[in-house]
Amino acid sequence: MYRNSNLSKFTLLAAVSLLTFTQCKRGTTDDNYLTNDDDRIGYASDASRIEFANNDVLALADQAGILYNAEYIRKSTSKCATVAVDTINSPHTLIIRFGDVDCECADGRLRRGSIVVKYNGRYLDTNQVHTITYNNYYINGNQLTGWVKATRVDTTVVGDWYYRVQVNDSLNMSPDPLMSKHIVWSGNLMRKWVGGDKTNDRSDDYFSVSGSATLTRPNGHVFNFNIATPLQFAIGCDFAQSGVVNVTGYTGSRILNYGSGTCDAAAQLNVGVHVYQLTLQK
């Protein structure tokens, strides 16, 4: 009887411990509990990286297309960023050149190569299509290739306009040409300039992005991103600041939350009943 009593107590204690552990796993915890690298350090960071680069290029093109110069793109102490415009030939061409070596720009980021924008009519015409390609373009050592087509939509309210964006970009995260790590971002998005549009200073600009896209990671795994709450990107922040995305693909269905607007590396991933805190990578 004595041995059976101890056995019963041990069994009860084990059951309570297991229940407590299960309840802890259902709560909020950090990404160290995630065993799948796609979930832990993968698609959340990759999507933030490449959509930031994509949004940044559109912002640079707008700055150059509105002013026809690089005054607010380059540092005041540097002349390495220039803008050239050909409005004689059709389609018109706008080229932002950063040179063959890294150029530190006004936002502190290093760029080299060129961004090429093709369009007809005036740059700010309603329904104008801006087709953007790249010529050996790098941002902070990462090469961006592919193309973007942005159609400017005027809602007839002064200053209230947005872009319909088709994107098929690739960001190579490896400086070694023999060790390419391409992130591919392809889809249809809507991009609004929601802050800083009344000034010529790029540092106060921020944008919202909605729609859907497909992300292909360097390991070949494919994820579909359907943006439930618009993503927010600011020129002065290296990460997606806010927004909620329904993610489906290689690891199943997930809900990815980039936060409430603070510029930090924090994000949150919901996997079923489990909630994990992520740390985004640049």
Foldseek 3Di string as FASTA:
>chain_A
DVVVVVVVVVVVVVVVVVVVVVVVQLEEAALVVPPDCCVAANDQQLVFQVVLVVVVLVVQCVLCQVVVFCPQWADPVDDQWTWDWDQPDPFIKIKIARDDAWGQTPLRKTKHFMKIWTWHDRPQDAQIKIKIATGQIDINLKGKGDIKIWTWHDPVPVPWIWTWMFGWMWIFPDNDPVDTWIKTKGDIKIKGFDWDPVDSHLQTTKMWIAAKIWIQGSVRWIKIWHWPFTWMDGSNASGGQFGWIFIATDVGTKIKTNYDGDRAQWIWIDDPSGIYIHGHDD
